[in-house]
C-alpha atoms as a PDB file:
ATOM      1  CA  UNK A   1      28.312   8.443   0.489  1.00  0.00           C
ATOM      2  CA  UNK A   2      26.944  12.095   0.139  1.00  0.00           C
ATOM      3  CA  UNK A   3      23.250  11.778   0.245  1.00  0.00           C
ATOM      4  CA  UNK A   4      21.479  12.873  -3.030  1.00  0.00           C
ATOM      5  CA  UNK A   5      19.290  16.115  -3.493  1.00  0.00           C
ATOM      6  CA  UNK A   6      15.650  16.296  -4.364  1.00  0.00           C
ATOM      7  CA  UNK A   7      17.036  18.482  -7.628  1.00  0.00           C
ATOM      8  CA  UNK A   8      19.062  15.400  -8.655  1.00  0.00           C
ATOM      9  CA  UNK A   9      16.389  13.446  -9.233  1.00  0.00           C
ATOM     10  CA  UNK A  10      14.784  13.632 -12.789  1.00  0.00           C
ATOM     11  CA  UNK A  11      11.373  13.954 -12.308  1.00  0.00           C
ATOM     12  CA  UNK A  12      10.369  17.940 -12.449  1.00  0.00           C
ATOM     13  CA  UNK A  13      10.974  18.814 -15.901  1.00  0.00           C
ATOM     14  CA  UNK A  14       7.274  19.786 -16.728  1.00  0.00           C
ATOM     15  CA  UNK A  15       6.688  22.214 -14.105  1.00  0.00           C
ATOM     16  CA  UNK A  16       3.421  20.233 -13.050  1.00  0.00           C
ATOM     17  CA  UNK A  17       2.782  19.723  -9.228  1.00  0.00           C
ATOM     18  CA  UNK A  18      -0.322  19.686  -7.030  1.00  0.00           C
ATOM     19  CA  UNK A  19       1.592  20.278  -3.642  1.00  0.00           C
ATOM     20  CA  UNK A  20       4.571  21.359  -2.572  1.00  0.00           C
ATOM     21  CA  UNK A  21       7.759  19.865  -4.238  1.00  0.00           C
ATOM     22  CA  UNK A  22       9.393  20.993  -1.016  1.00  0.00           C
ATOM     23  CA  UNK A  23       8.141  18.216   1.151  1.00  0.00           C
ATOM     24  CA  UNK A  24       9.459  16.140  -0.886  1.00  0.00           C
ATOM     25  CA  UNK A  25      12.628  14.028   0.899  1.00  0.00           C
ATOM     26  CA  UNK A  26      15.140  11.852  -1.243  1.00  0.00           C
ATOM     27  CA  UNK A  27      14.561   8.509   0.939  1.00  0.00           C
ATOM     28  CA  UNK A  28      17.364   6.707  -1.350  1.00  0.00           C
ATOM     29  CA  UNK A  29      19.501   7.747  -4.523  1.00  0.00           C
ATOM     30  CA  UNK A  30      18.145   7.305  -7.311  1.00  0.00           C
ATOM     31  CA  UNK A  31      14.912   5.802  -9.049  1.00  0.00           C
ATOM     32  CA  UNK A  32      14.322   2.393  -8.843  1.00  0.00           C
ATOM     33  CA  UNK A  33      16.777   2.026  -6.256  1.00  0.00           C
ATOM     34  CA  UNK A  34      14.472  -0.945  -4.177  1.00  0.00           C
ATOM     35  CA  UNK A  35      13.945  -2.339  -7.572  1.00  0.00           C
ATOM     36  CA  UNK A  36      10.170  -3.640  -8.559  1.00  0.00           C
ATOM     37  CA  UNK A  37       9.323  -6.860  -9.366  1.00  0.00           C
ATOM     38  CA  UNK A  38       8.151  -6.880 -12.667  1.00  0.00           C
ATOM     39  CA  UNK A  39       7.769 -10.087 -14.221  1.00  0.00           C
ATOM     40  CA  UNK A  40       6.359 -12.427 -11.218  1.00  0.00           C
ATOM     41  CA  UNK A  41       6.118 -16.068 -11.105  1.00  0.00           C
ATOM     42  CA  UNK A  42       2.862 -17.429  -9.202  1.00  0.00           C
ATOM     43  CA  UNK A  43       2.514 -20.235  -7.413  1.00  0.00           C
ATOM     44  CA  UNK A  44      -0.941 -22.149  -5.051  1.00  0.00           C
ATOM     45  CA  UNK A  45      -1.343 -22.431  -1.839  1.00  0.00           C
ATOM     46  CA  UNK A  46      -0.067 -25.865  -1.608  1.00  0.00           C
ATOM     47  CA  UNK A  47       3.001 -24.912  -3.738  1.00  0.00           C
ATOM     48  CA  UNK A  48       3.523 -21.882  -1.215  1.00  0.00           C
ATOM     49  CA  UNK A  49       3.957 -23.791   2.048  1.00  0.00           C
ATOM     50  CA  UNK A  50       6.841 -25.295   0.714  1.00  0.00           C
ATOM     51  CA  UNK A  51       8.042 -21.694   0.475  1.00  0.00           C
ATOM     52  CA  UNK A  52       6.826 -19.895   3.667  1.00  0.00           C
ATOM     53  CA  UNK A  53       5.525 -20.184   7.047  1.00  0.00           C
ATOM     54  CA  UNK A  54       1.516 -20.617   8.001  1.00  0.00           C
ATOM     55  CA  UNK A  55       1.740 -17.432   9.777  1.00  0.00           C
ATOM     56  CA  UNK A  56       3.543 -15.237   7.435  1.00  0.00           C
ATOM     57  CA  UNK A  57       2.200 -12.143   6.423  1.00  0.00           C
ATOM     58  CA  UNK A  58       0.458 -11.718   3.165  1.00  0.00           C
ATOM     59  CA  UNK A  59      -0.884  -8.181   1.273  1.00  0.00           C
ATOM     60  CA  UNK A  60      -3.456  -9.843  -0.781  1.00  0.00           C
ATOM     61  CA  UNK A  61      -5.507  -7.884  -3.767  1.00  0.00           C
ATOM     62  CA  UNK A  62      -8.568  -8.742  -5.026  1.00  0.00           C
ATOM     63  CA  UNK A  63      -9.588  -8.424  -8.626  1.00  0.00           C
ATOM     64  CA  UNK A  64     -12.842  -9.968  -9.927  1.00  0.00           C
ATOM     65  CA  UNK A  65     -13.157 -13.689  -8.547  1.00  0.00           C
ATOM     66  CA  UNK A  66      -8.959 -13.646  -8.562  1.00  0.00           C
ATOM     67  CA  UNK A  67      -6.769 -13.303  -5.423  1.00  0.00           C
ATOM     68  CA  UNK A  68      -3.062 -12.250  -5.211  1.00  0.00           C
ATOM     69  CA  UNK A  69      -0.735 -12.150  -2.578  1.00  0.00           C
ATOM     70  CA  UNK A  70       2.541 -11.374  -1.844  1.00  0.00           C
ATOM     71  CA  UNK A  71       4.394 -11.580   1.720  1.00  0.00           C
ATOM     72  CA  UNK A  72       4.852  -8.908   3.503  1.00  0.00           C
ATOM     73  CA  UNK A  73       8.924  -9.972   3.882  1.00  0.00           C
ATOM     74  CA  UNK A  74       9.385  -9.997  -0.090  1.00  0.00           C
ATOM     75  CA  UNK A  75       7.415  -6.281  -0.277  1.00  0.00           C
ATOM     76  CA  UNK A  76      10.146  -4.788   2.264  1.00  0.00           C
ATOM     77  CA  UNK A  77      12.615  -5.556  -0.359  1.00  0.00           C
ATOM     78  CA  UNK A  78      11.025  -4.748  -3.175  1.00  0.00           C
ATOM     79  CA  UNK A  79       7.535  -2.874  -2.218  1.00  0.00           C
ATOM     80  CA  UNK A  80       5.722  -3.192  -5.894  1.00  0.00           C
ATOM     81  CA  UNK A  81       4.879  -6.004  -8.063  1.00  0.00           C
ATOM     82  CA  UNK A  82       3.614  -5.070 -11.221  1.00  0.00           C
ATOM     83  CA  UNK A  83       1.949  -7.851 -13.139  1.00  0.00           C
ATOM     84  CA  UNK A  84      -1.250  -7.883 -15.231  1.00  0.00           C
ATOM     85  CA  UNK A  85      -4.145 -10.353 -14.481  1.00  0.00           C
ATOM     86  CA  UNK A  86      -5.040 -13.767 -15.963  1.00  0.00           C
ATOM     87  CA  UNK A  87      -7.289 -11.624 -18.701  1.00  0.00           C
ATOM     88  CA  UNK A  88      -4.813  -9.248 -19.677  1.00  0.00           C
ATOM     89  CA  UNK A  89      -5.658  -6.598 -17.052  1.00  0.00           C
ATOM     90  CA  UNK A  90      -2.353  -4.697 -15.831  1.00  0.00           C
ATOM     91  CA  UNK A  91      -2.139  -4.329 -12.100  1.00  0.00           C
ATOM     92  CA  UNK A  92       0.210  -3.768  -8.833  1.00  0.00           C
ATOM     93  CA  UNK A  93       0.550  -4.927  -5.630  1.00  0.00           C
ATOM     94  CA  UNK A  94       2.510  -2.139  -3.480  1.00  0.00           C
ATOM     95  CA  UNK A  95       3.713  -1.651   0.005  1.00  0.00           C
ATOM     96  CA  UNK A  96       5.279   0.954   2.062  1.00  0.00           C
ATOM     97  CA  UNK A  97       7.112  -0.287   5.014  1.00  0.00           C
ATOM     98  CA  UNK A  98       7.667   2.854   6.913  1.00  0.00           C
ATOM     99  CA  UNK A  99       4.435   3.542   7.183  1.00  0.00           C
ATOM    100  CA  UNK A 100       2.677   0.396   6.629  1.00  0.00           C
ATOM    101  CA  UNK A 101       0.381   1.682   3.605  1.00  0.00           C
ATOM    102  CA  UNK A 102      -0.517  -0.896   1.443  1.00  0.00           C
ATOM    103  CA  UNK A 103      -2.136  -0.815  -1.987  1.00  0.00           C
ATOM    104  CA  UNK A 104      -3.206  -2.475  -4.982  1.00  0.00           C
ATOM    105  CA  UNK A 105      -4.105  -0.800  -8.177  1.00  0.00           C
ATOM    106  CA  UNK A 106      -5.323  -1.197 -12.083  1.00  0.00           C
ATOM    107  CA  UNK A 107      -2.564   0.515 -13.738  1.00  0.00           C
ATOM    108  CA  UNK A 108      -4.765   1.645 -16.416  1.00  0.00           C
ATOM    109  CA  UNK A 109      -5.610   5.124 -16.484  1.00  0.00           C
ATOM    110  CA  UNK A 110      -9.237   6.288 -17.087  1.00  0.00           C
ATOM    111  CA  UNK A 111      -7.165   8.239 -20.364  1.00  0.00           C
ATOM    112  CA  UNK A 112      -6.619   4.302 -21.162  1.00  0.00           C
ATOM    113  CA  UNK A 113      -3.085   4.838 -20.702  1.00  0.00           C
ATOM    114  CA  UNK A 114      -0.993   2.043 -18.648  1.00  0.00           C
ATOM    115  CA  UNK A 115       1.582   2.852 -16.557  1.00  0.00           C
ATOM    116  CA  UNK A 116       4.647   1.159 -15.224  1.00  0.00           C
ATOM    117  CA  UNK A 117       4.972   1.745 -11.341  1.00  0.00           C
ATOM    118  CA  UNK A 118       8.583   1.816  -9.575  1.00  0.00           C
ATOM    119  CA  UNK A 119       9.739   3.346  -7.177  1.00  0.00           C
ATOM    120  CA  UNK A 120      10.742   6.454  -7.275  1.00  0.00           C
ATOM    121  CA  UNK A 121      13.286   7.460  -4.224  1.00  0.00           C
ATOM    122  CA  UNK A 122      11.333  10.152  -2.963  1.00  0.00           C
ATOM    123  CA  UNK A 123       9.225  10.400   0.429  1.00  0.00           C
ATOM    124  CA  UNK A 124       6.731  12.396   0.961  1.00  0.00           C
ATOM    125  CA  UNK A 125       5.459  12.859   4.579  1.00  0.00           C
ATOM    126  CA  UNK A 126       7.802   9.812   5.324  1.00  0.00           C
ATOM    127  CA  UNK A 127       5.796   7.649   2.577  1.00  0.00           C
ATOM    128  CA  UNK A 128       6.079   5.974  -0.510  1.00  0.00           C
ATOM    129  CA  UNK A 129       5.984   7.950  -3.771  1.00  0.00           C
ATOM    130  CA  UNK A 130       5.434   5.657  -6.896  1.00  0.00           C
ATOM    131  CA  UNK A 131       6.517   7.059 -10.426  1.00  0.00           C
ATOM    132  CA  UNK A 132       5.802   5.819 -13.514  1.00  0.00           C
ATOM    133  CA  UNK A 133       8.238   4.959 -15.955  1.00  0.00           C
ATOM    134  CA  UNK A 134       7.287   6.273 -19.329  1.00  0.00           C
ATOM    135  CA  UNK A 135       6.031   9.660 -18.410  1.00  0.00           C
ATOM    136  CA  UNK A 136       7.996   9.936 -14.765  1.00  0.00           C
ATOM    137  CA  UNK A 137       5.162  11.041 -13.246  1.00  0.00           C
ATOM    138  CA  UNK A 138       5.095  10.816  -9.266  1.00  0.00           C
ATOM    139  CA  UNK A 139       2.324   9.149  -7.365  1.00  0.00           C
ATOM    140  CA  UNK A 140       1.201   9.216  -3.844  1.00  0.00           C
ATOM    141  CA  UNK A 141       0.878   6.034  -2.529  1.00  0.00           C
ATOM    142  CA  UNK A 142      -1.626   7.029  -0.067  1.00  0.00           C
ATOM    143  CA  UNK A 143      -3.500   9.473  -2.125  1.00  0.00           C
ATOM    144  CA  UNK A 144      -3.377   7.068  -5.026  1.00  0.00           C
ATOM    145  CA  UNK A 145      -2.660  10.078  -7.509  1.00  0.00           C
ATOM    146  CA  UNK A 146      -0.392  11.717  -9.310  1.00  0.00           C
ATOM    147  CA  UNK A 147       1.662  14.634  -7.840  1.00  0.00           C
ATOM    148  CA  UNK A 148       4.493  15.862  -9.503  1.00  0.00           C
ATOM    149  CA  UNK A 149       5.148  15.630 -13.501  1.00  0.00           C
ATOM    150  CA  UNK A 150       2.432  14.860 -16.734  1.00  0.00           C
ATOM    151  CA  UNK A 151      -0.251  12.819 -15.302  1.00  0.00           C
ATOM    152  CA  UNK A 152      -0.289  15.074 -11.939  1.00  0.00           C
ATOM    153  CA  UNK A 153      -4.377  14.578 -10.700  1.00  0.00           C
ATOM    154  CA  UNK A 154      -4.569  11.324 -12.787  1.00  0.00           C
ATOM    155  CA  UNK A 155      -6.015   8.803  -9.750  1.00  0.00           C
ATOM    156  CA  UNK A 156      -4.998   4.972  -9.855  1.00  0.00           C
ATOM    157  CA  UNK A 157      -7.950   2.524  -9.196  1.00  0.00           C
ATOM    158  CA  UNK A 158      -7.662   1.277  -6.047  1.00  0.00           C
ATOM    159  CA  UNK A 159      -8.851  -2.806  -5.687  1.00  0.00           C
ATOM    160  CA  UNK A 160      -9.747  -4.399  -2.589  1.00  0.00           C
ATOM    161  CA  UNK A 161      -6.786  -4.917  -0.235  1.00  0.00           C
ATOM    162  CA  UNK A 162      -6.371  -7.084   2.951  1.00  0.00           C
ATOM    163  CA  UNK A 163      -3.261  -8.487   4.983  1.00  0.00           C
ATOM    164  CA  UNK A 164      -3.592 -11.708   6.054  1.00  0.00           C
ATOM    165  CA  UNK A 165      -1.562 -14.904   6.873  1.00  0.00           C
ATOM    166  CA  UNK A 166      -0.801 -17.822   4.558  1.00  0.00           C
ATOM    167  CA  UNK A 167      -2.920 -20.317   7.088  1.00  0.00           C
ATOM    168  CA  UNK A 168      -5.926 -17.849   6.723  1.00  0.00           C
ATOM    169  CA  UNK A 169      -5.744 -18.110   2.763  1.00  0.00           C
ATOM    170  CA  UNK A 170      -4.985 -21.650   2.698  1.00  0.00           C
ATOM    171  CA  UNK A 171      -8.386 -22.099   4.037  1.00  0.00           C
ATOM    172  CA  UNK A 172     -10.701 -19.313   3.137  1.00  0.00           C
ATOM    173  CA  UNK A 173      -9.315 -18.333  -0.508  1.00  0.00           C
ATOM    174  CA  UNK A 174      -7.243 -21.322  -1.236  1.00  0.00           C
ATOM    175  CA  UNK A 175      -7.408 -20.717  -4.982  1.00  0.00           C
ATOM    176  CA  UNK A 176      -5.077 -17.754  -4.220  1.00  0.00           C
ATOM    177  CA  UNK A 177      -1.866 -16.739  -6.539  1.00  0.00           C
ATOM    178  CA  UNK A 178       1.004 -16.529  -4.534  1.00  0.00           C
ATOM    179  CA  UNK A 179       4.205 -14.928  -5.300  1.00  0.00           C
ATOM    180  CA  UNK A 180       6.741 -17.359  -6.035  1.00  0.00           C
ATOM    181  CA  UNK A 181       9.669 -16.938  -3.669  1.00  0.00           C
ATOM    182  CA  UNK A 182      12.188 -16.584  -6.705  1.00  0.00           C
ATOM    183  CA  UNK A 183      11.936 -13.512  -7.810  1.00  0.00           C
ATOM    184  CA  UNK A 184      14.837 -13.547 -10.045  1.00  0.00           C
ATOM    185  CA  UNK A 185      16.103 -11.336  -7.491  1.00  0.00           C
ATOM    186  CA  UNK A 186      19.542 -10.634  -5.716  1.00  0.00           C
ATOM    187  CA  UNK A 187      17.833  -9.763  -2.500  1.00  0.00           C
ATOM    188  CA  UNK A 188      16.779 -13.036  -2.214  1.00  0.00           C
ATOM    189  CA  UNK A 189      18.645 -13.914   0.214  1.00  0.00           C
ATOM    190  CA  UNK A 190      17.826 -11.547   2.647  1.00  0.00           C
ATOM    191  CA  UNK A 191      14.117 -12.174   2.964  1.00  0.00           C
ATOM    192  CA  UNK A 192      14.197 -13.875   5.767  1.00  0.00           C
ATOM    193  CA  UNK A 193      15.675 -10.691   7.759  1.00  0.00           C
ATOM    194  CA  UNK A 194      14.171  -8.000   9.918  1.00  0.00           C
ATOM    195  CA  UNK A 195      15.423  -5.302   7.737  1.00  0.00           C
ATOM    196  CA  UNK A 196      13.927  -2.331   9.016  1.00  0.00           C
ATOM    197  CA  UNK A 197      15.651  -3.366  12.343  1.00  0.00           C
ATOM    198  CA  UNK A 198      13.622  -2.348  15.331  1.00  0.00           C
ATOM    199  CA  UNK A 199      11.422   0.956  13.517  1.00  0.00           C
ATOM    200  CA  UNK A 200       8.388  -1.241  14.125  1.00  0.00           C
ATOM    201  CA  UNK A 201       8.554  -1.497  17.956  1.00  0.00           C
ATOM    202  CA  UNK A 202       9.421   1.838  18.085  1.00  0.00           C
ATOM    203  CA  UNK A 203       7.958   5.766  17.955  1.00  0.00           C
ATOM    204  CA  UNK A 204      10.263   7.328  15.792  1.00  0.00           C
ATOM    205  CA  UNK A 205       9.213   8.547  12.362  1.00  0.00           C
ATOM    206  CA  UNK A 206      12.403   8.243   9.440  1.00  0.00           C
ATOM    207  CA  UNK A 207      11.920  11.347   7.916  1.00  0.00           C
ATOM    208  CA  UNK A 208       9.771  14.697   8.372  1.00  0.00           C
ATOM    209  CA  UNK A 209       6.287  14.321   8.352  1.00  0.00           C
ATOM    210  CA  UNK A 210       4.182  17.575   7.815  1.00  0.00           C
ATOM    211  CA  UNK A 211       1.215  17.279  10.767  1.00  0.00           C
ATOM    212  CA  UNK A 212       1.564  15.554  13.957  1.00  0.00           C
ATOM    213  CA  UNK A 213      -0.015  15.399  17.115  1.00  0.00           C
ATOM    214  CA  UNK A 214      -0.267  12.600  20.527  1.00  0.00           C
ATOM    215  CA  UNK A 215      -3.635  11.770  19.982  1.00  0.00           C
ATOM    216  CA  UNK A 216      -2.619   8.052  19.174  1.00  0.00           C
ATOM    217  CA  UNK A 217       0.774   6.355  19.109  1.00  0.00           C
ATOM    218  CA  UNK A 218       2.553   7.558  15.884  1.00  0.00           C
ATOM    219  CA  UNK A 219       3.085   3.677  14.983  1.00  0.00           C
ATOM    220  CA  UNK A 220      -0.348   2.865  16.198  1.00  0.00           C
ATOM    221  CA  UNK A 221      -2.296   1.063  13.113  1.00  0.00           C
ATOM    222  CA  UNK A 222      -5.485   2.826  11.736  1.00  0.00           C
ATOM    223  CA  UNK A 223      -7.782   2.871   9.013  1.00  0.00           C
ATOM    224  CA  UNK A 224      -8.902   6.093   7.011  1.00  0.00           C
ATOM    225  CA  UNK A 225     -11.896   6.126   5.364  1.00  0.00           C
ATOM    226  CA  UNK A 226     -13.814   8.942   3.599  1.00  0.00           C
ATOM    227  CA  UNK A 227     -17.720   9.531   4.091  1.00  0.00           C
ATOM    228  CA  UNK A 228     -20.185  12.054   4.344  1.00  0.00           C
ATOM    229  CA  UNK A 229     -18.841  13.719   7.366  1.00  0.00           C
ATOM    230  CA  UNK A 230     -15.143  13.882   6.043  1.00  0.00           C
ATOM    231  CA  UNK A 231     -12.259  11.364   6.131  1.00  0.00           C
ATOM    232  CA  UNK A 232     -12.644   9.436   9.600  1.00  0.00           C
ATOM    233  CA  UNK A 233      -9.858   7.777  11.313  1.00  0.00           C
ATOM    234  CA  UNK A 234     -10.193   4.239  13.315  1.00  0.00           C
ATOM    235  CA  UNK A 235      -8.463   1.861  15.528  1.00  0.00           C
ATOM    236  CA  UNK A 236      -7.219  -1.281  13.576  1.00  0.00           C
ATOM    237  CA  UNK A 237      -7.618  -2.797  16.953  1.00  0.00           C
ATOM    238  CA  UNK A 238     -11.254  -1.772  17.868  1.00  0.00           C
ATOM    239  CA  UNK A 239     -12.288  -3.077  14.422  1.00  0.00           C
ATOM    240  CA  UNK A 240     -10.424  -6.752  15.238  1.00  0.00           C
ATOM    241  CA  UNK A 241     -11.915  -6.861  18.776  1.00  0.00           C
ATOM    242  CA  UNK A 242     -15.912  -6.495  17.257  1.00  0.00           C
ATOM    243  CA  UNK A 243     -18.016  -8.865  15.876  1.00  0.00           C
ATOM    244  CA  UNK A 244     -18.920  -8.353  12.170  1.00  0.00           C
ATOM    245  CA  UNK A 245     -20.874  -6.781  10.881  1.00  0.00           C
ATOM    246  CA  UNK A 246     -19.101  -3.425  12.537  1.00  0.00           C
ATOM    247  CA  UNK A 247     -21.479  -0.028  11.497  1.00  0.00           C
ATOM    248  CA  UNK A 248     -19.199   2.693  10.853  1.00  0.00           C
ATOM    249  CA  UNK A 249     -21.025   6.200   9.732  1.00  0.00           C
ATOM    250  CA  UNK A 250     -24.128   6.382   7.438  1.00  0.00           C
ATOM    251  CA  UNK A 251     -24.903   3.160   5.401  1.00  0.00           C
ATOM    252  CA  UNK A 252     -21.001   2.038   6.151  1.00  0.00           C
ATOM    253  CA  UNK A 253     -19.753  -1.151   7.957  1.00  0.00           C
ATOM    254  CA  UNK A 254     -16.821  -3.371   8.427  1.00  0.00           C
ATOM    255  CA  UNK A 255     -16.431  -6.866   7.962  1.00  0.00           C
ATOM    256  CA  UNK A 256     -13.352  -9.026   8.220  1.00  0.00           C
ATOM    257  CA  UNK A 257     -11.812 -10.539   5.439  1.00  0.00           C
ATOM    258  CA  UNK A 258      -9.997 -12.742   6.527  1.00  0.00           C
ATOM    259  CA  UNK A 259      -9.334 -11.503   9.768  1.00  0.00           C
ATOM    260  CA  UNK A 260      -8.793  -7.913   7.898  1.00  0.00           C
ATOM    261  CA  UNK A 261     -11.318  -5.340   8.481  1.00  0.00           C
ATOM    262  CA  UNK A 262     -12.370  -4.012   4.901  1.00  0.00           C
ATOM    263  CA  UNK A 263     -15.489  -1.732   4.447  1.00  0.00           C
ATOM    264  CA  UNK A 264     -18.305  -2.006   2.627  1.00  0.00           C
ATOM    265  CA  UNK A 265     -21.920  -0.158   1.705  1.00  0.00           C
ATOM    266  CA  UNK A 266     -24.765  -1.659   3.940  1.00  0.00           C
ATOM    267  CA  UNK A 267     -23.443  -5.538   3.189  1.00  0.00           C
ATOM    268  CA  UNK A 268     -20.420  -7.334   2.242  1.00  0.00           C
ATOM    269  CA  UNK A 269     -20.083  -7.714  -1.493  1.00  0.00           C
ATOM    270  CA  UNK A 270     -17.158  -7.123  -3.399  1.00  0.00           C
ATOM    271  CA  UNK A 271     -19.044  -4.896  -5.692  1.00  0.00           C
ATOM    272  CA  UNK A 272     -19.679  -2.589  -2.233  1.00  0.00           C
ATOM    273  CA  UNK A 273     -16.070  -2.242  -1.279  1.00  0.00           C
ATOM    274  CA  UNK A 274     -14.976   1.188  -0.185  1.00  0.00           C
ATOM    275  CA  UNK A 275     -11.737   2.124  -0.740  1.00  0.00           C
ATOM    276  CA  UNK A 276      -9.777   2.582   2.900  1.00  0.00           C
ATOM    277  CA  UNK A 277      -6.302   2.963   3.808  1.00  0.00           C
ATOM    278  CA  UNK A 278      -4.323   0.627   6.364  1.00  0.00           C
ATOM    279  CA  UNK A 279      -1.594   2.873   7.967  1.00  0.00           C
ATOM    280  CA  UNK A 280       0.474   3.832  11.029  1.00  0.00           C
ATOM    281  CA  UNK A 281      -1.321   6.504  12.984  1.00  0.00           C
ATOM    282  CA  UNK A 282       1.342   9.068  11.995  1.00  0.00           C
ATOM    283  CA  UNK A 283       0.528   8.912   8.022  1.00  0.00           C
ATOM    284  CA  UNK A 284      -3.212   8.918   8.809  1.00  0.00           C
ATOM    285  CA  UNK A 285      -2.711  12.338   9.724  1.00  0.00           C
ATOM    286  CA  UNK A 286       0.045  13.677   8.295  1.00  0.00           C
ATOM    287  CA  UNK A 287      -2.221  13.045   5.268  1.00  0.00           C
ATOM    288  CA  UNK A 288      -5.694  13.898   6.513  1.00  0.00           C
ATOM    289  CA  UNK A 289      -4.731  16.647   9.081  1.00  0.00           C
ATOM    290  CA  UNK A 290      -8.129  16.914   9.806  1.00  0.00           C
ATOM    291  CA  UNK A 291      -9.424  13.712   9.783  1.00  0.00           C
ATOM    292  CA  UNK A 292     -12.587  12.811  13.138  1.00  0.00           C
ATOM    293  CA  UNK A 293     -10.821   9.885  15.178  1.00  0.00           C
ATOM    294  CA  UNK A 294     -13.978   7.625  15.087  1.00  0.00           C
ATOM    295  CA  UNK A 295     -14.690   6.181  18.671  1.00  0.00           C
ATOM    296  CA  UNK A 296     -16.193   2.380  18.528  1.00  0.00           C
END
């Protein structure tokens, strides 16, 4: 099959961009080549235990008093779940299997416009690039920002996101709304497969990245946060092995939520949550080349 060219994609008509579009690389053949889940059904933790293993990992988002969770085995094949909260707020859960980035968003921009997110088919620094189906604007998942198209410069508002197992959700967040395994997609038959083979266990990076170094292994899991002294990169393992709270810099602390480190100002309070990026090291370095590695 002939590999598509960047110019074959329909995102470049406005001429607006905040990046060098030469750095965008086709990852698959067209918009929505990986289908998002746009009409999800949700179940409680009790019902979910009949669909998933206790050890299955989930990407979870926190919005208000509610927690929503989607399993990695489903996100590997869909990458985006578009939905609305019980109160009608448009939300999304997003995940990139190539770099392990995960993000929850409010899909209503500060302009009042609501975006519907899809998989663009393009990658930037071997990471997921989202697109808005109405305006064809490209959004970087790592930067949570429009990078090409009419909404260039617009930001998606991030909401607390963490990763944990069904067993921990049952114990610590029993009211979680969990994505039904019945997604209505013909991809359901692949949910139990290792669709990326040994990719997670080797050092191979699938697509070009602009910056690299060897200070850490490329696929070591890290957290990146922005501080008064710039971006800092912190090893996930360093935070896991420390007792809470872990002091970071200034008045920032890390606290484990269902076993996963999140960042807060001064104390654990959802209103004091600080956005962070969980990813492979190569992703953190590609997007934040001057970030300091924080020794814990």
